[in-house]
Amino acid sequence: MFGVYITHPQVNIDPAVPVPDWGLSDVGLARARQAAQAPWVRRLARIVSSGETKAVETAATLAEAASVTSEIDEAMHENDRSATGFLPPPAFEAAADWFFANPADSFNGWERAQDAQARIVEAVSRVLCDHDPALPIAFIGHGGVGTLLKCYRSGAPIARDRDQPGGGGNLFAFSLATTLVDCRLTCDWTPMEFWQGDR
């Protein structure tokens, strides 16, 4: 059976609002609704989301289609960047490059990549150890920690070249087991509305 890690799609960027409180843009919401029409979404037995608004909104859209109630796991939040606050896109991209290239160090007070990776791996592992691997599950989160999770599961070092394509709203899939180490990646980053489900 399959599991998926899905990153929230496009958001409303507002420098006056804390980043964790940003919601989906019209484009992001439309993409989530399009993905929700896919047959694999209706097969989901469980949806576990980060507590950030954009992830919660994505999860709610998919949960309605799947006729389940989404759960929130606060440990699934994006890497903590509150030390710098909002960064304009060019500055953010440069900071993100540094974050992935220096996983043992902090970019101006950001959570270190190796710590964010340990946190997301622990959160997903905790959910899976209490989940029936015969039931499809979706984790809804963020591009940064999603990439760190994917690096861990694939046995690859932390690097930004394993990051999702721009814009968010992508997923990678994996076979299910009761331990994360036994889950096998079955699909690389794919736009959430285009994935056809496991074969």
C-alpha atoms as a PDB file:
ATOM      1  CA  MET A   1       0.000   0.000   0.000  1.00  0.00           C
ATOM      2  CA  PHE A   2       1.126   3.583  -0.545  1.00  0.00           C
ATOM      3  CA  GLY A   3       2.039   6.577   1.508  1.00  0.00           C
ATOM      4  CA  VAL A   4       2.594  10.071   0.147  1.00  0.00           C
ATOM      5  CA  TYR A   5       4.304  13.178   1.441  1.00  0.00           C
ATOM      6  CA  ILE A   6       2.623  16.228  -0.090  1.00  0.00           C
ATOM      7  CA  THR A   7       3.850  19.801   0.072  1.00  0.00           C
ATOM      8  CA  HIS A   8       1.314  22.606   0.192  1.00  0.00           C
ATOM      9  CA  PRO A   9       0.828  24.417  -3.132  1.00  0.00           C
ATOM     10  CA  GLN A  10       1.115  28.179  -3.772  1.00  0.00           C
ATOM     11  CA  VAL A  11       0.411  30.603  -0.928  1.00  0.00           C
ATOM     12  CA  ASN A  12      -0.533  34.216  -0.374  1.00  0.00           C
ATOM     13  CA  ILE A  13       2.789  35.879   0.458  1.00  0.00           C
ATOM     14  CA  ASP A  14       2.260  38.691   2.965  1.00  0.00           C
ATOM     15  CA  PRO A  15       5.322  40.185   4.716  1.00  0.00           C
ATOM     16  CA  ALA A  16       3.020  41.555   7.444  1.00  0.00           C
ATOM     17  CA  VAL A  17       1.825  38.044   8.404  1.00  0.00           C
ATOM     18  CA  PRO A  18       4.011  35.426  10.114  1.00  0.00           C
ATOM     19  CA  VAL A  19       5.010  32.806   7.531  1.00  0.00           C
ATOM     20  CA  PRO A  20       3.362  29.882   9.414  1.00  0.00           C
ATOM     21  CA  ASP A  21       0.041  31.775   9.148  1.00  0.00           C
ATOM     22  CA  TRP A  22       0.105  32.230   5.379  1.00  0.00           C
ATOM     23  CA  GLY A  23      -2.834  30.588   3.627  1.00  0.00           C
ATOM     24  CA  LEU A  24      -3.225  29.127   0.169  1.00  0.00           C
ATOM     25  CA  SER A  25      -3.572  31.462  -2.768  1.00  0.00           C
ATOM     26  CA  ASP A  26      -6.370  31.038  -5.295  1.00  0.00           C
ATOM     27  CA  VAL A  27      -3.944  29.099  -7.500  1.00  0.00           C
ATOM     28  CA  GLY A  28      -2.867  26.889  -4.607  1.00  0.00           C
ATOM     29  CA  LEU A  29      -6.431  26.168  -3.547  1.00  0.00           C
ATOM     30  CA  ALA A  30      -7.433  25.357  -7.127  1.00  0.00           C
ATOM     31  CA  ARG A  31      -4.560  22.887  -7.395  1.00  0.00           C
ATOM     32  CA  ALA A  32      -5.513  21.223  -4.112  1.00  0.00           C
ATOM     33  CA  ARG A  33      -9.104  20.906  -5.307  1.00  0.00           C
ATOM     34  CA  GLN A  34      -7.950  19.430  -8.616  1.00  0.00           C
ATOM     35  CA  ALA A  35      -5.784  16.885  -6.796  1.00  0.00           C
ATOM     36  CA  ALA A  36      -8.717  16.030  -4.518  1.00  0.00           C
ATOM     37  CA  GLN A  37     -10.619  14.704  -7.547  1.00  0.00           C
ATOM     38  CA  ALA A  38      -8.047  11.951  -8.154  1.00  0.00           C
ATOM     39  CA  PRO A  39      -9.136   8.388  -7.305  1.00  0.00           C
ATOM     40  CA  TRP A  40      -6.093   7.827  -5.058  1.00  0.00           C
ATOM     41  CA  VAL A  41      -7.239  10.620  -2.735  1.00  0.00           C
ATOM     42  CA  ARG A  42     -10.521   8.828  -2.073  1.00  0.00           C
ATOM     43  CA  ARG A  43      -8.501   5.769  -1.027  1.00  0.00           C
ATOM     44  CA  LEU A  44      -6.725   7.643   1.775  1.00  0.00           C
ATOM     45  CA  ALA A  45      -7.562   6.281   5.205  1.00  0.00           C
ATOM     46  CA  ARG A  46      -5.531   8.834   7.127  1.00  0.00           C
ATOM     47  CA  ILE A  47      -4.183  12.353   6.569  1.00  0.00           C
ATOM     48  CA  VAL A  48      -1.638  13.876   8.956  1.00  0.00           C
ATOM     49  CA  SER A  49      -0.750  17.538   8.555  1.00  0.00           C
ATOM     50  CA  SER A  50       1.630  20.158   9.797  1.00  0.00           C
ATOM     51  CA  GLY A  51      -0.125  22.774  11.910  1.00  0.00           C
ATOM     52  CA  GLU A  52       0.802  25.653   9.601  1.00  0.00           C
ATOM     53  CA  THR A  53      -2.211  27.268   7.926  1.00  0.00           C
ATOM     54  CA  LYS A  54      -1.232  26.464   4.336  1.00  0.00           C
ATOM     55  CA  ALA A  55      -0.736  22.792   5.176  1.00  0.00           C
ATOM     56  CA  VAL A  56      -3.957  22.618   7.198  1.00  0.00           C
ATOM     57  CA  GLU A  57      -5.918  24.105   4.273  1.00  0.00           C
ATOM     58  CA  THR A  58      -4.382  21.612   1.854  1.00  0.00           C
ATOM     59  CA  ALA A  59      -5.140  18.735   4.210  1.00  0.00           C
ATOM     60  CA  ALA A  60      -8.728  19.869   4.717  1.00  0.00           C
ATOM     61  CA  THR A  61      -9.362  19.906   0.959  1.00  0.00           C
ATOM     62  CA  LEU A  62      -8.031  16.369   0.533  1.00  0.00           C
ATOM     63  CA  ALA A  63      -9.697  15.106   3.717  1.00  0.00           C
ATOM     64  CA  GLU A  64     -13.114  16.221   2.506  1.00  0.00           C
ATOM     65  CA  ALA A  65     -12.654  14.194  -0.678  1.00  0.00           C
ATOM     66  CA  ALA A  66     -11.372  11.193   1.272  1.00  0.00           C
ATOM     67  CA  SER A  67     -14.181  11.418   3.873  1.00  0.00           C
ATOM     68  CA  VAL A  68     -11.683  11.414   6.736  1.00  0.00           C
ATOM     69  CA  THR A  69     -10.762  13.906   9.428  1.00  0.00           C
ATOM     70  CA  SER A  70      -7.247  15.229   9.073  1.00  0.00           C
ATOM     71  CA  GLU A  71      -4.921  15.123  12.061  1.00  0.00           C
ATOM     72  CA  ILE A  72      -2.382  17.778  13.037  1.00  0.00           C
ATOM     73  CA  ASP A  73       1.124  16.935  14.168  1.00  0.00           C
ATOM     74  CA  GLU A  74       2.887  20.094  15.329  1.00  0.00           C
ATOM     75  CA  ALA A  75       6.305  18.473  14.862  1.00  0.00           C
ATOM     76  CA  MET A  76       5.812  18.469  11.084  1.00  0.00           C
ATOM     77  CA  HIS A  77       6.257  22.238  10.674  1.00  0.00           C
ATOM     78  CA  GLU A  78       8.676  23.739   8.167  1.00  0.00           C
ATOM     79  CA  ASN A  79      12.246  24.465   9.219  1.00  0.00           C
ATOM     80  CA  ASP A  80      12.111  27.272  11.784  1.00  0.00           C
ATOM     81  CA  ARG A  81      13.133  30.499  10.052  1.00  0.00           C
ATOM     82  CA  SER A  82      11.603  32.900  12.580  1.00  0.00           C
ATOM     83  CA  ALA A  83      15.016  34.337  13.521  1.00  0.00           C
ATOM     84  CA  THR A  84      15.144  36.292  10.264  1.00  0.00           C
ATOM     85  CA  GLY A  85      11.430  36.737   9.636  1.00  0.00           C
ATOM     86  CA  PHE A  86      10.233  37.320   6.089  1.00  0.00           C
ATOM     87  CA  LEU A  87      12.923  37.427   3.420  1.00  0.00           C
ATOM     88  CA  PRO A  88      12.182  38.690  -0.119  1.00  0.00           C
ATOM     89  CA  PRO A  89      12.305  35.857  -2.675  1.00  0.00           C
ATOM     90  CA  PRO A  90      15.878  36.435  -3.948  1.00  0.00           C
ATOM     91  CA  ALA A  91      17.249  36.651  -0.398  1.00  0.00           C
ATOM     92  CA  PHE A  92      15.203  33.634   0.665  1.00  0.00           C
ATOM     93  CA  GLU A  93      16.498  31.508  -2.214  1.00  0.00           C
ATOM     94  CA  ALA A  94      20.079  32.392  -1.310  1.00  0.00           C
ATOM     95  CA  ALA A  95      19.401  31.558   2.336  1.00  0.00           C
ATOM     96  CA  ALA A  96      17.796  28.242   1.389  1.00  0.00           C
ATOM     97  CA  ASP A  97      20.829  27.362  -0.738  1.00  0.00           C
ATOM     98  CA  TRP A  98      23.035  28.011   2.296  1.00  0.00           C
ATOM     99  CA  PHE A  99      20.706  26.034   4.597  1.00  0.00           C
ATOM    100  CA  PHE A 100      20.981  22.882   2.478  1.00  0.00           C
ATOM    101  CA  ALA A 101      24.694  23.303   1.794  1.00  0.00           C
ATOM    102  CA  ASN A 102      25.569  23.688   5.486  1.00  0.00           C
ATOM    103  CA  PRO A 103      23.309  21.221   7.340  1.00  0.00           C
ATOM    104  CA  ALA A 104      25.320  21.283  10.584  1.00  0.00           C
ATOM    105  CA  ASP A 105      25.225  25.084  10.870  1.00  0.00           C
ATOM    106  CA  SER A 106      22.534  27.706  11.389  1.00  0.00           C
ATOM    107  CA  PHE A 107      21.777  30.442   8.896  1.00  0.00           C
ATOM    108  CA  ASN A 108      21.402  33.569  11.050  1.00  0.00           C
ATOM    109  CA  GLY A 109      19.510  31.700  13.755  1.00  0.00           C
ATOM    110  CA  TRP A 110      17.469  29.335  11.546  1.00  0.00           C
ATOM    111  CA  GLU A 111      16.892  25.782  12.692  1.00  0.00           C
ATOM    112  CA  ARG A 112      19.772  23.702  11.341  1.00  0.00           C
ATOM    113  CA  ALA A 113      18.983  21.344   8.467  1.00  0.00           C
ATOM    114  CA  GLN A 114      20.212  18.315  10.390  1.00  0.00           C
ATOM    115  CA  ASP A 115      17.925  19.192  13.318  1.00  0.00           C
ATOM    116  CA  ALA A 116      14.919  19.794  11.058  1.00  0.00           C
ATOM    117  CA  GLN A 117      15.616  16.455   9.387  1.00  0.00           C
ATOM    118  CA  ALA A 118      15.759  14.627  12.717  1.00  0.00           C
ATOM    119  CA  ARG A 119      12.467  16.239  13.724  1.00  0.00           C
ATOM    120  CA  ILE A 120      10.508  15.351  10.573  1.00  0.00           C
ATOM    121  CA  VAL A 121      11.945  11.823  10.496  1.00  0.00           C
ATOM    122  CA  GLU A 122      10.903  11.304  14.116  1.00  0.00           C
ATOM    123  CA  ALA A 123       7.408  12.680  13.480  1.00  0.00           C
ATOM    124  CA  VAL A 124       6.722  10.509  10.429  1.00  0.00           C
ATOM    125  CA  SER A 125       8.293   7.460  12.098  1.00  0.00           C
ATOM    126  CA  ARG A 126       6.075   7.920  15.151  1.00  0.00           C
ATOM    127  CA  VAL A 127       2.943   8.026  13.007  1.00  0.00           C
ATOM    128  CA  LEU A 128       3.930   5.003  10.928  1.00  0.00           C
ATOM    129  CA  CYS A 129       4.723   2.796  13.906  1.00  0.00           C
ATOM    130  CA  ASP A 130       1.104   3.227  15.008  1.00  0.00           C
ATOM    131  CA  HIS A 131      -0.413   2.928  11.519  1.00  0.00           C
ATOM    132  CA  ASP A 132      -1.740  -0.112   9.669  1.00  0.00           C
ATOM    133  CA  PRO A 133       0.472  -0.388   6.530  1.00  0.00           C
ATOM    134  CA  ALA A 134      -2.491  -1.836   4.636  1.00  0.00           C
ATOM    135  CA  LEU A 135      -4.174   1.593   4.736  1.00  0.00           C
ATOM    136  CA  PRO A 136      -3.029   4.464   2.465  1.00  0.00           C
ATOM    137  CA  ILE A 137      -1.815   7.562   4.303  1.00  0.00           C
ATOM    138  CA  ALA A 138      -0.855  11.101   3.334  1.00  0.00           C
ATOM    139  CA  PHE A 139       1.443  13.481   5.179  1.00  0.00           C
ATOM    140  CA  ILE A 140       0.852  17.153   4.335  1.00  0.00           C
ATOM    141  CA  GLY A 141       3.725  19.507   4.927  1.00  0.00           C
ATOM    142  CA  HIS A 142       6.413  21.674   3.446  1.00  0.00           C
ATOM    143  CA  GLY A 143       9.121  21.668   0.814  1.00  0.00           C
ATOM    144  CA  GLY A 144      12.123  22.105   3.080  1.00  0.00           C
ATOM    145  CA  VAL A 145      11.441  19.368   5.604  1.00  0.00           C
ATOM    146  CA  GLY A 146       9.889  17.226   2.875  1.00  0.00           C
ATOM    147  CA  THR A 147      13.185  17.308   1.010  1.00  0.00           C
ATOM    148  CA  LEU A 148      15.052  16.464   4.214  1.00  0.00           C
ATOM    149  CA  LEU A 149      12.717  13.504   4.769  1.00  0.00           C
ATOM    150  CA  LYS A 150      13.215  12.328   1.193  1.00  0.00           C
ATOM    151  CA  CYS A 151      17.007  12.612   1.547  1.00  0.00           C
ATOM    152  CA  TYR A 152      16.856  10.487   4.693  1.00  0.00           C
ATOM    153  CA  ARG A 153      14.661   7.799   3.161  1.00  0.00           C
ATOM    154  CA  SER A 154      16.744   7.570   0.000  1.00  0.00           C
ATOM    155  CA  GLY A 155      19.979   7.385   1.968  1.00  0.00           C
ATOM    156  CA  ALA A 156      21.251  10.519   0.275  1.00  0.00           C
ATOM    157  CA  PRO A 157      23.123  13.400   1.908  1.00  0.00           C
ATOM    158  CA  ILE A 158      21.235  16.625   2.525  1.00  0.00           C
ATOM    159  CA  ALA A 159      21.400  18.685  -0.663  1.00  0.00           C
ATOM    160  CA  ARG A 160      19.127  21.175  -2.372  1.00  0.00           C
ATOM    161  CA  ASP A 161      19.319  19.421  -5.722  1.00  0.00           C
ATOM    162  CA  ARG A 162      16.870  16.927  -4.206  1.00  0.00           C
ATOM    163  CA  ASP A 163      14.375  19.717  -3.486  1.00  0.00           C
ATOM    164  CA  GLN A 164      10.938  19.825  -5.127  1.00  0.00           C
ATOM    165  CA  PRO A 165      10.339  21.786  -8.329  1.00  0.00           C
ATOM    166  CA  GLY A 166       9.354  25.401  -7.781  1.00  0.00           C
ATOM    167  CA  GLY A 167       5.953  26.467  -6.576  1.00  0.00           C
ATOM    168  CA  GLY A 168       5.128  23.697  -4.123  1.00  0.00           C
ATOM    169  CA  GLY A 169       2.219  21.327  -4.393  1.00  0.00           C
ATOM    170  CA  ASN A 170       4.341  18.280  -5.169  1.00  0.00           C
ATOM    171  CA  LEU A 171       4.476  14.810  -3.679  1.00  0.00           C
ATOM    172  CA  PHE A 172       6.694  11.793  -3.437  1.00  0.00           C
ATOM    173  CA  ALA A 173       5.296   8.331  -2.770  1.00  0.00           C
ATOM    174  CA  PHE A 174       6.568   5.358  -0.835  1.00  0.00           C
ATOM    175  CA  SER A 175       5.536   1.831  -0.020  1.00  0.00           C
ATOM    176  CA  LEU A 176       4.207   1.463   3.501  1.00  0.00           C
ATOM    177  CA  ALA A 177       5.751  -0.385   6.424  1.00  0.00           C
ATOM    178  CA  THR A 178       5.571   0.066  10.172  1.00  0.00           C
ATOM    179  CA  THR A 179       9.049   1.604  10.216  1.00  0.00           C
ATOM    180  CA  LEU A 180      10.208   4.428   7.986  1.00  0.00           C
ATOM    181  CA  VAL A 181      13.477   2.667   7.249  1.00  0.00           C
ATOM    182  CA  ASP A 182      11.508  -0.147   5.600  1.00  0.00           C
ATOM    183  CA  CYS A 183       9.442   2.196   3.405  1.00  0.00           C
ATOM    184  CA  ARG A 184      10.677   2.259  -0.195  1.00  0.00           C
ATOM    185  CA  LEU A 185      10.428   5.352  -2.384  1.00  0.00           C
ATOM    186  CA  THR A 186       8.217   4.591  -5.395  1.00  0.00           C
ATOM    187  CA  CYS A 187       7.776   8.032  -6.968  1.00  0.00           C
ATOM    188  CA  ASP A 188       9.979  11.127  -7.100  1.00  0.00           C
ATOM    189  CA  TRP A 189       8.575  14.652  -6.797  1.00  0.00           C
ATOM    190  CA  THR A 190       5.451  14.904  -8.954  1.00  0.00           C
ATOM    191  CA  PRO A 191       2.803  17.668  -9.078  1.00  0.00           C
ATOM    192  CA  MET A 192       0.031  16.590  -6.715  1.00  0.00           C
ATOM    193  CA  GLU A 193      -2.699  16.975  -9.339  1.00  0.00           C
ATOM    194  CA  PHE A 194      -0.852  14.833 -11.893  1.00  0.00           C
ATOM    195  CA  TRP A 195       0.027  11.772  -9.821  1.00  0.00           C
ATOM    196  CA  GLN A 196      -2.001   8.740 -10.883  1.00  0.00           C
ATOM    197  CA  GLY A 197      -1.578   6.732  -7.706  1.00  0.00           C
ATOM    198  CA  ASP A 198       0.326   3.526  -7.077  1.00  0.00           C
ATOM    199  CA  ARG A 199       0.170   0.877  -9.754  1.00  0.00           C
END
